[in-house]
């Protein structure tokens, strides 16, 4: 009985080792930090972003000045002049918000500039990682240190269709 149990344990372990997936991780910050073009693109993006932040800050400073001037003169203003001054301040605030959105919004100029400068570098890195994974027979490559993002997954390990089939059977 002991001999049969030992044979079953060895067979089970051999089967599990054969089925083992090869998983590794990479530190994307370290990889990207080692690429000169990436670092210079980051500096260029930060420089442009800082210029835009200063431009927007100047606009808000001007709005603050307009508001202080309005508050100082408000008691002496007619209703019509008061309304006109308020509308002008509100319009300047809206213009500043629109400019901020234009530069920093989800599809803003900073995003577009980042796409044009950084995306080609990232794609090159991902291509190298994919080739490395295939050459070394890795099934998955995750980011470090938290491992929250999969950078490469062997398509053979995709079980999506199996899950869909099981869901359909459960109906």
N, C-alpha and C. Protein backbone atom coordinates (compact mmCIF):
# COMPACT_ATOMS: atom_id res chain seq x y z
N UNK A 1 0.83 -1.19 0.00
CA UNK A 1 0.00 0.00 0.00
C UNK A 1 0.86 1.24 0.00
N UNK A 2 1.96 1.22 0.82
CA UNK A 2 2.86 2.36 0.86
C UNK A 2 3.49 2.60 -0.50
N UNK A 3 3.83 1.52 -1.18
CA UNK A 3 4.47 1.63 -2.49
C UNK A 3 3.51 2.27 -3.50
N UNK A 4 2.26 1.85 -3.48
CA UNK A 4 1.25 2.41 -4.38
C UNK A 4 1.05 3.89 -4.08
N UNK A 5 0.98 4.25 -2.81
CA UNK A 5 0.83 5.65 -2.42
C UNK A 5 2.01 6.47 -2.91
N UNK A 6 3.23 5.98 -2.77
CA UNK A 6 4.44 6.68 -3.22
C UNK A 6 4.41 6.88 -4.72
N UNK A 7 4.00 5.86 -5.45
CA UNK A 7 3.93 5.97 -6.91
C UNK A 7 2.89 7.01 -7.31
N UNK A 8 1.75 7.01 -6.63
CA UNK A 8 0.71 8.00 -6.93
C UNK A 8 1.19 9.42 -6.63
N UNK A 9 1.90 9.62 -5.53
CA UNK A 9 2.41 10.95 -5.18
C UNK A 9 3.41 11.42 -6.23
N UNK A 10 4.33 10.54 -6.63
CA UNK A 10 5.33 10.91 -7.65
C UNK A 10 4.62 11.23 -8.97
N UNK A 11 3.65 10.44 -9.36
CA UNK A 11 2.92 10.69 -10.60
C UNK A 11 2.18 12.02 -10.53
N UNK A 12 1.55 12.28 -9.40
CA UNK A 12 0.82 13.54 -9.21
C UNK A 12 1.77 14.73 -9.30
N UNK A 13 2.90 14.64 -8.62
CA UNK A 13 3.87 15.75 -8.65
C UNK A 13 4.43 15.95 -10.05
N UNK A 14 4.72 14.86 -10.75
CA UNK A 14 5.24 14.95 -12.12
C UNK A 14 4.21 15.63 -13.02
N UNK A 15 2.94 15.24 -12.88
CA UNK A 15 1.87 15.84 -13.67
C UNK A 15 1.76 17.33 -13.38
N UNK A 16 1.82 17.71 -12.10
CA UNK A 16 1.71 19.13 -11.73
C UNK A 16 2.89 19.94 -12.24
N UNK A 17 4.08 19.40 -12.20
CA UNK A 17 5.26 20.11 -12.71
C UNK A 17 5.12 20.31 -14.21
N UNK A 18 4.63 19.27 -14.91
CA UNK A 18 4.45 19.38 -16.35
C UNK A 18 3.41 20.44 -16.70
N UNK A 19 2.43 20.61 -15.80
CA UNK A 19 1.37 21.58 -16.04
C UNK A 19 1.72 22.98 -15.52
N UNK A 20 2.85 23.10 -14.84
CA UNK A 20 3.22 24.38 -14.22
C UNK A 20 3.34 25.47 -15.28
N UNK A 21 2.90 26.63 -14.90
CA UNK A 21 3.00 27.77 -15.79
C UNK A 21 4.25 28.56 -15.43
N UNK A 22 4.86 29.12 -16.42
CA UNK A 22 6.06 29.89 -16.19
C UNK A 22 5.67 31.36 -16.09
N UNK A 23 5.91 31.93 -14.92
CA UNK A 23 5.49 33.29 -14.62
C UNK A 23 6.71 34.07 -14.13
N UNK A 24 6.88 35.28 -14.66
CA UNK A 24 7.95 36.18 -14.21
C UNK A 24 7.39 37.59 -14.10
N UNK A 25 8.20 38.50 -13.61
CA UNK A 25 7.77 39.89 -13.54
C UNK A 25 8.88 40.81 -14.03
N UNK A 26 8.49 42.02 -14.38
CA UNK A 26 9.44 43.06 -14.78
C UNK A 26 9.10 44.35 -14.03
N UNK A 27 10.09 45.18 -13.82
CA UNK A 27 9.91 46.49 -13.22
C UNK A 27 9.86 47.51 -14.36
N UNK A 28 8.66 47.89 -14.77
CA UNK A 28 8.50 48.79 -15.92
C UNK A 28 9.13 50.15 -15.66
N UNK A 29 9.05 50.64 -14.42
CA UNK A 29 9.66 51.94 -14.13
C UNK A 29 11.17 51.88 -14.38
N UNK A 30 11.78 50.82 -13.95
CA UNK A 30 13.23 50.65 -14.13
C UNK A 30 13.58 50.51 -15.61
N UNK A 31 12.77 49.73 -16.34
CA UNK A 31 13.02 49.55 -17.78
C UNK A 31 12.89 50.88 -18.50
N UNK A 32 11.76 51.57 -18.28
CA UNK A 32 11.55 52.85 -18.98
C UNK A 32 12.58 53.88 -18.55
N UNK A 33 12.97 53.85 -17.27
CA UNK A 33 13.99 54.78 -16.78
C UNK A 33 15.35 54.56 -17.40
N UNK A 34 15.57 53.38 -17.95
CA UNK A 34 16.86 53.08 -18.57
C UNK A 34 16.93 53.53 -20.03
N UNK A 35 15.81 54.02 -20.56
CA UNK A 35 15.74 54.43 -21.97
C UNK A 35 15.87 55.94 -22.05
N UNK A 36 16.94 56.40 -22.67
CA UNK A 36 17.24 57.83 -22.77
C UNK A 36 16.10 58.60 -23.42
N UNK A 37 15.53 58.07 -24.49
CA UNK A 37 14.45 58.76 -25.20
C UNK A 37 13.23 58.93 -24.30
N UNK A 38 12.96 57.95 -23.47
CA UNK A 38 11.82 58.03 -22.57
C UNK A 38 12.04 59.13 -21.54
N UNK A 39 13.22 59.16 -20.97
CA UNK A 39 13.54 60.19 -19.97
C UNK A 39 13.45 61.58 -20.58
N UNK A 40 13.96 61.77 -21.79
CA UNK A 40 13.89 63.10 -22.40
C UNK A 40 12.45 63.45 -22.77
N UNK A 41 11.66 62.46 -23.18
CA UNK A 41 10.24 62.71 -23.47
C UNK A 41 9.51 63.13 -22.19
N UNK A 42 9.82 62.48 -21.08
CA UNK A 42 9.21 62.83 -19.80
C UNK A 42 9.57 64.26 -19.40
N UNK A 43 10.84 64.63 -19.58
CA UNK A 43 11.27 66.00 -19.25
C UNK A 43 10.55 67.02 -20.13
N UNK A 44 10.43 66.70 -21.42
CA UNK A 44 9.73 67.60 -22.34
C UNK A 44 8.26 67.76 -21.94
N UNK A 45 7.62 66.65 -21.62
CA UNK A 45 6.22 66.70 -21.19
C UNK A 45 6.05 67.51 -19.91
N UNK A 46 6.93 67.29 -18.95
CA UNK A 46 6.84 68.02 -17.68
C UNK A 46 7.09 69.51 -17.89
N UNK A 47 8.05 69.85 -18.75
CA UNK A 47 8.31 71.26 -19.05
C UNK A 47 7.10 71.94 -19.69
N UNK A 48 6.49 71.25 -20.64
CA UNK A 48 5.30 71.82 -21.30
C UNK A 48 4.15 71.94 -20.31
N UNK A 49 3.96 70.92 -19.49
CA UNK A 49 2.88 70.95 -18.50
C UNK A 49 3.08 72.11 -17.53
N UNK A 50 4.32 72.34 -17.12
CA UNK A 50 4.60 73.44 -16.18
C UNK A 50 4.29 74.80 -16.83
N UNK A 51 4.64 74.98 -18.10
CA UNK A 51 4.31 76.23 -18.81
C UNK A 51 2.79 76.44 -18.83
N UNK A 52 2.06 75.37 -19.12
CA UNK A 52 0.60 75.48 -19.17
C UNK A 52 0.03 75.76 -17.79
N UNK A 53 0.59 75.14 -16.75
CA UNK A 53 0.11 75.40 -15.38
C UNK A 53 0.32 76.87 -15.02
N UNK A 54 1.46 77.41 -15.38
CA UNK A 54 1.74 78.82 -15.08
C UNK A 54 0.80 79.74 -15.85
N UNK A 55 0.52 79.41 -17.10
CA UNK A 55 -0.40 80.21 -17.90
C UNK A 55 -1.79 80.22 -17.25
N UNK A 56 -2.24 79.08 -16.81
CA UNK A 56 -3.55 78.97 -16.17
C UNK A 56 -3.54 79.70 -14.82
N UNK A 57 -2.45 79.57 -14.07
CA UNK A 57 -2.35 80.26 -12.77
C UNK A 57 -2.42 81.77 -12.97
N UNK A 58 -1.77 82.30 -14.02
CA UNK A 58 -1.85 83.74 -14.31
C UNK A 58 -3.29 84.16 -14.60
N UNK A 59 -4.01 83.33 -15.32
CA UNK A 59 -5.41 83.64 -15.63
C UNK A 59 -6.23 83.70 -14.34
N UNK A 60 -6.01 82.74 -13.44
CA UNK A 60 -6.75 82.75 -12.17
C UNK A 60 -6.34 83.93 -11.29
N UNK A 61 -5.08 84.32 -11.35
CA UNK A 61 -4.64 85.51 -10.60
C UNK A 61 -5.35 86.75 -11.12
N UNK A 62 -5.48 86.87 -12.45
CA UNK A 62 -6.19 88.00 -13.04
C UNK A 62 -7.67 87.99 -12.64
N UNK A 63 -8.25 86.80 -12.56
CA UNK A 63 -9.66 86.68 -12.14
C UNK A 63 -9.80 87.15 -10.69
N UNK A 64 -8.87 86.73 -9.84
CA UNK A 64 -8.88 87.16 -8.43
C UNK A 64 -8.79 88.69 -8.34
N UNK A 65 -7.91 89.27 -9.15
CA UNK A 65 -7.76 90.73 -9.14
C UNK A 65 -9.07 91.40 -9.61
N UNK A 66 -9.66 90.85 -10.66
CA UNK A 66 -10.93 91.40 -11.14
C UNK A 66 -11.99 91.32 -10.05
N UNK A 67 -12.02 90.22 -9.31
CA UNK A 67 -13.02 90.04 -8.27
C UNK A 67 -12.79 91.03 -7.11
N UNK A 68 -11.52 91.21 -6.73
CA UNK A 68 -11.22 92.18 -5.66
C UNK A 68 -11.61 93.59 -6.08
N UNK A 69 -11.29 93.93 -7.33
CA UNK A 69 -11.68 95.24 -7.85
C UNK A 69 -13.20 95.40 -7.86
N UNK A 70 -13.89 94.35 -8.26
CA UNK A 70 -15.35 94.37 -8.28
C UNK A 70 -15.89 94.58 -6.86
N UNK A 71 -15.35 93.85 -5.89
CA UNK A 71 -15.82 93.99 -4.51
C UNK A 71 -15.60 95.41 -3.98
N UNK A 72 -14.48 96.02 -4.35
CA UNK A 72 -14.19 97.37 -3.89
C UNK A 72 -15.15 98.39 -4.50
N UNK A 73 -15.53 98.18 -5.75
CA UNK A 73 -16.40 99.14 -6.44
C UNK A 73 -17.88 98.80 -6.38
N UNK A 74 -18.21 97.62 -5.93
CA UNK A 74 -19.60 97.15 -5.98
C UNK A 74 -20.59 98.12 -5.33
N UNK A 75 -20.31 98.68 -4.16
CA UNK A 75 -21.31 99.57 -3.54
C UNK A 75 -21.64 100.79 -4.40
N UNK A 76 -20.71 101.19 -5.24
CA UNK A 76 -20.92 102.38 -6.06
C UNK A 76 -21.50 102.08 -7.44
N UNK A 77 -21.66 100.80 -7.76
CA UNK A 77 -22.08 100.40 -9.11
C UNK A 77 -23.61 100.33 -9.21
N UNK A 78 -24.09 100.63 -10.42
CA UNK A 78 -25.52 100.44 -10.71
C UNK A 78 -25.77 98.94 -10.86
N UNK A 79 -27.02 98.56 -10.82
CA UNK A 79 -27.37 97.14 -10.98
C UNK A 79 -26.86 96.60 -12.32
N UNK A 80 -26.99 97.41 -13.34
CA UNK A 80 -26.55 96.99 -14.68
C UNK A 80 -25.02 96.82 -14.72
N UNK A 81 -24.28 97.75 -14.14
CA UNK A 81 -22.82 97.67 -14.12
C UNK A 81 -22.37 96.48 -13.27
N UNK A 82 -23.07 96.25 -12.16
CA UNK A 82 -22.76 95.12 -11.27
C UNK A 82 -22.94 93.80 -12.04
N UNK A 83 -24.07 93.67 -12.73
CA UNK A 83 -24.36 92.45 -13.50
C UNK A 83 -23.32 92.25 -14.60
N UNK A 84 -22.95 93.33 -15.27
CA UNK A 84 -21.95 93.25 -16.34
C UNK A 84 -20.59 92.80 -15.79
N UNK A 85 -20.18 93.34 -14.65
CA UNK A 85 -18.91 92.96 -14.03
C UNK A 85 -18.94 91.50 -13.58
N UNK A 86 -20.04 91.07 -13.00
CA UNK A 86 -20.18 89.67 -12.58
C UNK A 86 -20.10 88.72 -13.78
N UNK A 87 -20.81 89.09 -14.84
CA UNK A 87 -20.78 88.26 -16.05
C UNK A 87 -19.37 88.16 -16.63
N UNK A 88 -18.64 89.27 -16.59
CA UNK A 88 -17.28 89.29 -17.12
C UNK A 88 -16.38 88.36 -16.29
N UNK A 89 -16.53 88.41 -14.97
CA UNK A 89 -15.73 87.54 -14.10
C UNK A 89 -16.09 86.07 -14.35
N UNK A 90 -17.37 85.79 -14.44
CA UNK A 90 -17.83 84.42 -14.68
C UNK A 90 -17.29 83.91 -16.02
N UNK A 91 -17.31 84.76 -17.03
CA UNK A 91 -16.81 84.36 -18.36
C UNK A 91 -15.31 84.08 -18.30
N UNK A 92 -14.56 84.91 -17.59
CA UNK A 92 -13.11 84.70 -17.45
C UNK A 92 -12.83 83.37 -16.73
N UNK A 93 -13.63 83.06 -15.70
CA UNK A 93 -13.47 81.79 -14.99
C UNK A 93 -13.75 80.61 -15.93
N UNK A 94 -14.79 80.74 -16.73
CA UNK A 94 -15.13 79.68 -17.68
C UNK A 94 -14.01 79.51 -18.71
N UNK A 95 -13.48 80.63 -19.19
CA UNK A 95 -12.37 80.57 -20.15
C UNK A 95 -11.16 79.85 -19.54
N UNK A 96 -10.86 80.14 -18.27
CA UNK A 96 -9.73 79.50 -17.60
C UNK A 96 -9.98 77.99 -17.46
N UNK A 97 -11.19 77.61 -17.09
CA UNK A 97 -11.52 76.18 -16.98
C UNK A 97 -11.44 75.49 -18.34
N UNK A 98 -11.90 76.18 -19.38
CA UNK A 98 -11.83 75.61 -20.73
C UNK A 98 -10.38 75.41 -21.17
N UNK A 99 -9.54 76.38 -20.84
CA UNK A 99 -8.12 76.26 -21.18
C UNK A 99 -7.48 75.09 -20.42
N UNK A 100 -7.84 74.97 -19.16
CA UNK A 100 -7.32 73.87 -18.35
C UNK A 100 -7.74 72.53 -18.95
N UNK A 101 -8.98 72.43 -19.38
CA UNK A 101 -9.47 71.20 -20.00
C UNK A 101 -8.76 70.96 -21.33
N UNK A 102 -8.55 72.03 -22.09
CA UNK A 102 -7.87 71.91 -23.38
C UNK A 102 -6.47 71.33 -23.20
N UNK A 103 -5.77 71.79 -22.18
CA UNK A 103 -4.40 71.32 -21.95
C UNK A 103 -4.34 69.99 -21.20
N UNK A 104 -5.15 69.85 -20.15
CA UNK A 104 -4.99 68.72 -19.23
C UNK A 104 -6.17 67.74 -19.22
N UNK A 105 -7.17 67.96 -20.04
CA UNK A 105 -8.33 67.07 -20.07
C UNK A 105 -7.97 65.68 -20.58
N UNK A 106 -8.92 64.76 -20.49
CA UNK A 106 -8.67 63.37 -20.90
C UNK A 106 -8.18 63.23 -22.34
N UNK A 107 -8.61 64.09 -23.20
CA UNK A 107 -8.16 64.08 -24.59
C UNK A 107 -7.40 65.37 -24.92
N UNK A 108 -6.88 66.00 -23.89
CA UNK A 108 -6.22 67.29 -24.05
C UNK A 108 -4.86 67.21 -24.72
N UNK A 109 -4.26 68.37 -24.86
CA UNK A 109 -2.98 68.48 -25.56
C UNK A 109 -1.86 67.71 -24.86
N UNK A 110 -1.87 67.69 -23.52
CA UNK A 110 -0.83 66.94 -22.81
C UNK A 110 -0.98 65.44 -23.09
N UNK A 111 -2.20 64.93 -23.07
CA UNK A 111 -2.44 63.52 -23.38
C UNK A 111 -1.98 63.20 -24.80
N UNK A 112 -2.33 64.07 -25.74
CA UNK A 112 -1.95 63.83 -27.14
C UNK A 112 -0.43 63.89 -27.32
N UNK A 113 0.19 64.83 -26.64
CA UNK A 113 1.65 64.94 -26.73
C UNK A 113 2.31 63.71 -26.11
N UNK A 114 1.76 63.25 -24.99
CA UNK A 114 2.29 62.03 -24.34
C UNK A 114 2.16 60.85 -25.30
N UNK A 115 1.01 60.76 -25.96
CA UNK A 115 0.81 59.66 -26.91
C UNK A 115 1.85 59.70 -28.02
N UNK A 116 2.13 60.87 -28.54
CA UNK A 116 3.07 60.96 -29.66
C UNK A 116 4.51 60.73 -29.23
N UNK A 117 4.86 61.10 -28.00
CA UNK A 117 6.25 60.95 -27.55
C UNK A 117 6.52 59.62 -26.85
N UNK A 118 5.62 59.19 -26.00
CA UNK A 118 5.89 58.05 -25.12
C UNK A 118 5.36 56.74 -25.67
N UNK A 119 4.22 56.77 -26.32
CA UNK A 119 3.60 55.53 -26.78
C UNK A 119 4.52 54.71 -27.69
N UNK A 120 5.22 55.30 -28.67
CA UNK A 120 6.12 54.48 -29.50
C UNK A 120 7.21 53.78 -28.68
N UNK A 121 7.70 54.44 -27.65
CA UNK A 121 8.72 53.84 -26.78
C UNK A 121 8.11 52.67 -26.01
N UNK A 122 6.92 52.87 -25.45
CA UNK A 122 6.26 51.80 -24.72
C UNK A 122 5.96 50.61 -25.62
N UNK A 123 5.52 50.87 -26.83
CA UNK A 123 5.23 49.78 -27.77
C UNK A 123 6.49 48.99 -28.08
N UNK A 124 7.61 49.68 -28.22
CA UNK A 124 8.89 49.00 -28.47
C UNK A 124 9.23 48.09 -27.29
N UNK A 125 9.05 48.60 -26.07
CA UNK A 125 9.33 47.80 -24.87
C UNK A 125 8.42 46.58 -24.82
N UNK A 126 7.13 46.76 -25.08
CA UNK A 126 6.19 45.64 -25.05
C UNK A 126 6.53 44.60 -26.11
N UNK A 127 6.97 45.05 -27.28
CA UNK A 127 7.37 44.11 -28.34
C UNK A 127 8.57 43.28 -27.90
N UNK A 128 9.55 43.93 -27.27
CA UNK A 128 10.73 43.20 -26.78
C UNK A 128 10.32 42.22 -25.68
N UNK A 129 9.43 42.65 -24.78
CA UNK A 129 8.97 41.76 -23.71
C UNK A 129 8.24 40.55 -24.29
N UNK A 130 7.39 40.77 -25.27
CA UNK A 130 6.66 39.66 -25.89
C UNK A 130 7.61 38.67 -26.56
N UNK A 131 8.58 39.19 -27.29
CA UNK A 131 9.56 38.31 -27.94
C UNK A 131 10.36 37.54 -26.89
N UNK A 132 10.78 38.21 -25.84
CA UNK A 132 11.52 37.57 -24.75
C UNK A 132 10.69 36.45 -24.13
N UNK A 133 9.40 36.71 -23.90
CA UNK A 133 8.51 35.71 -23.30
C UNK A 133 8.38 34.49 -24.20
N UNK A 134 8.24 34.72 -25.47
CA UNK A 134 8.12 33.60 -26.41
C UNK A 134 9.43 32.82 -26.50
N UNK A 135 10.55 33.53 -26.57
CA UNK A 135 11.86 32.86 -26.65
C UNK A 135 12.13 32.00 -25.42
N UNK A 136 11.71 32.47 -24.25
CA UNK A 136 11.98 31.78 -22.99
C UNK A 136 10.81 30.90 -22.53
N UNK A 137 9.76 30.84 -23.34
CA UNK A 137 8.58 30.03 -23.03
C UNK A 137 7.90 30.43 -21.73
N UNK A 138 7.81 31.73 -21.48
CA UNK A 138 7.07 32.21 -20.32
C UNK A 138 5.59 32.30 -20.71
N UNK A 139 4.75 31.96 -19.76
CA UNK A 139 3.31 32.04 -20.01
C UNK A 139 2.76 33.42 -19.66
N UNK A 140 3.30 34.02 -18.60
CA UNK A 140 2.83 35.33 -18.16
C UNK A 140 4.00 36.17 -17.70
N UNK A 141 3.90 37.48 -17.97
CA UNK A 141 4.84 38.44 -17.41
C UNK A 141 4.00 39.55 -16.78
N UNK A 142 4.24 39.78 -15.50
CA UNK A 142 3.53 40.80 -14.73
C UNK A 142 4.46 41.98 -14.46
N UNK A 143 3.85 43.10 -14.06
CA UNK A 143 4.65 44.23 -13.63
C UNK A 143 5.02 44.04 -12.17
N UNK A 144 6.11 44.67 -11.79
CA UNK A 144 6.55 44.62 -10.39
C UNK A 144 6.35 46.01 -9.81
N UNK A 145 6.28 46.22 -8.57
CA UNK A 145 6.37 45.22 -7.50
C UNK A 145 5.03 44.61 -7.14
N UNK A 146 3.91 45.21 -7.58
CA UNK A 146 2.62 44.72 -7.11
C UNK A 146 2.03 43.62 -7.98
N UNK A 147 2.55 43.44 -9.19
CA UNK A 147 2.06 42.38 -10.05
C UNK A 147 0.62 42.56 -10.49
N UNK A 148 0.16 43.80 -10.51
CA UNK A 148 -1.25 44.05 -10.81
C UNK A 148 -1.57 44.08 -12.29
N UNK A 149 -0.57 44.22 -13.13
CA UNK A 149 -0.82 44.30 -14.56
C UNK A 149 -0.09 43.18 -15.30
N UNK A 150 -0.81 42.55 -16.21
CA UNK A 150 -0.19 41.55 -17.07
C UNK A 150 0.35 42.28 -18.28
N UNK A 151 1.62 42.09 -18.55
CA UNK A 151 2.24 42.71 -19.72
C UNK A 151 2.20 41.75 -20.90
N UNK A 152 2.35 40.47 -20.59
CA UNK A 152 2.30 39.45 -21.63
C UNK A 152 1.54 38.25 -21.09
N UNK A 153 0.69 37.68 -21.94
CA UNK A 153 0.01 36.43 -21.61
C UNK A 153 0.04 35.54 -22.83
N UNK A 154 0.48 34.33 -22.64
CA UNK A 154 0.51 33.35 -23.71
C UNK A 154 -0.94 33.10 -24.16
N UNK A 155 -1.24 33.30 -25.44
CA UNK A 155 -2.62 33.11 -25.91
C UNK A 155 -3.14 31.70 -25.65
N UNK A 156 -2.23 30.72 -25.56
CA UNK A 156 -2.65 29.34 -25.27
C UNK A 156 -3.27 29.22 -23.88
N UNK A 157 -3.00 30.17 -23.00
CA UNK A 157 -3.50 30.11 -21.63
C UNK A 157 -4.84 30.84 -21.46
N UNK A 158 -5.38 31.35 -22.57
CA UNK A 158 -6.66 32.06 -22.53
C UNK A 158 -7.79 31.04 -22.43
N UNK A 159 -8.53 31.10 -21.34
CA UNK A 159 -9.64 30.17 -21.12
C UNK A 159 -11.01 30.85 -21.26
N UNK A 160 -11.03 32.00 -21.90
CA UNK A 160 -12.25 32.77 -22.06
C UNK A 160 -13.37 31.94 -22.72
N UNK A 161 -13.05 31.28 -23.80
CA UNK A 161 -14.07 30.49 -24.51
C UNK A 161 -14.59 29.34 -23.66
N UNK A 162 -13.72 28.73 -22.86
CA UNK A 162 -14.16 27.65 -21.96
C UNK A 162 -15.19 28.18 -20.97
N UNK A 163 -14.93 29.36 -20.42
CA UNK A 163 -15.85 29.96 -19.45
C UNK A 163 -17.18 30.28 -20.12
N UNK A 164 -17.13 30.82 -21.34
CA UNK A 164 -18.35 31.14 -22.08
C UNK A 164 -19.17 29.88 -22.30
N UNK A 165 -18.50 28.80 -22.70
CA UNK A 165 -19.20 27.52 -22.93
C UNK A 165 -19.87 27.02 -21.65
N UNK A 166 -19.15 27.13 -20.54
CA UNK A 166 -19.72 26.68 -19.27
C UNK A 166 -20.92 27.55 -18.88
N UNK A 167 -20.81 28.84 -19.12
CA UNK A 167 -21.94 29.72 -18.82
C UNK A 167 -23.16 29.35 -19.66
N UNK A 168 -22.91 29.04 -20.92
CA UNK A 168 -24.02 28.66 -21.80
C UNK A 168 -24.66 27.36 -21.34
N UNK A 169 -23.85 26.43 -20.82
CA UNK A 169 -24.38 25.17 -20.31
C UNK A 169 -25.20 25.37 -19.04
N UNK A 170 -24.84 26.43 -18.28
CA UNK A 170 -25.53 26.70 -17.01
C UNK A 170 -26.91 27.32 -17.24
N UNK A 171 -27.19 27.77 -18.42
CA UNK A 171 -28.47 28.46 -18.69
C UNK A 171 -29.64 27.55 -18.50
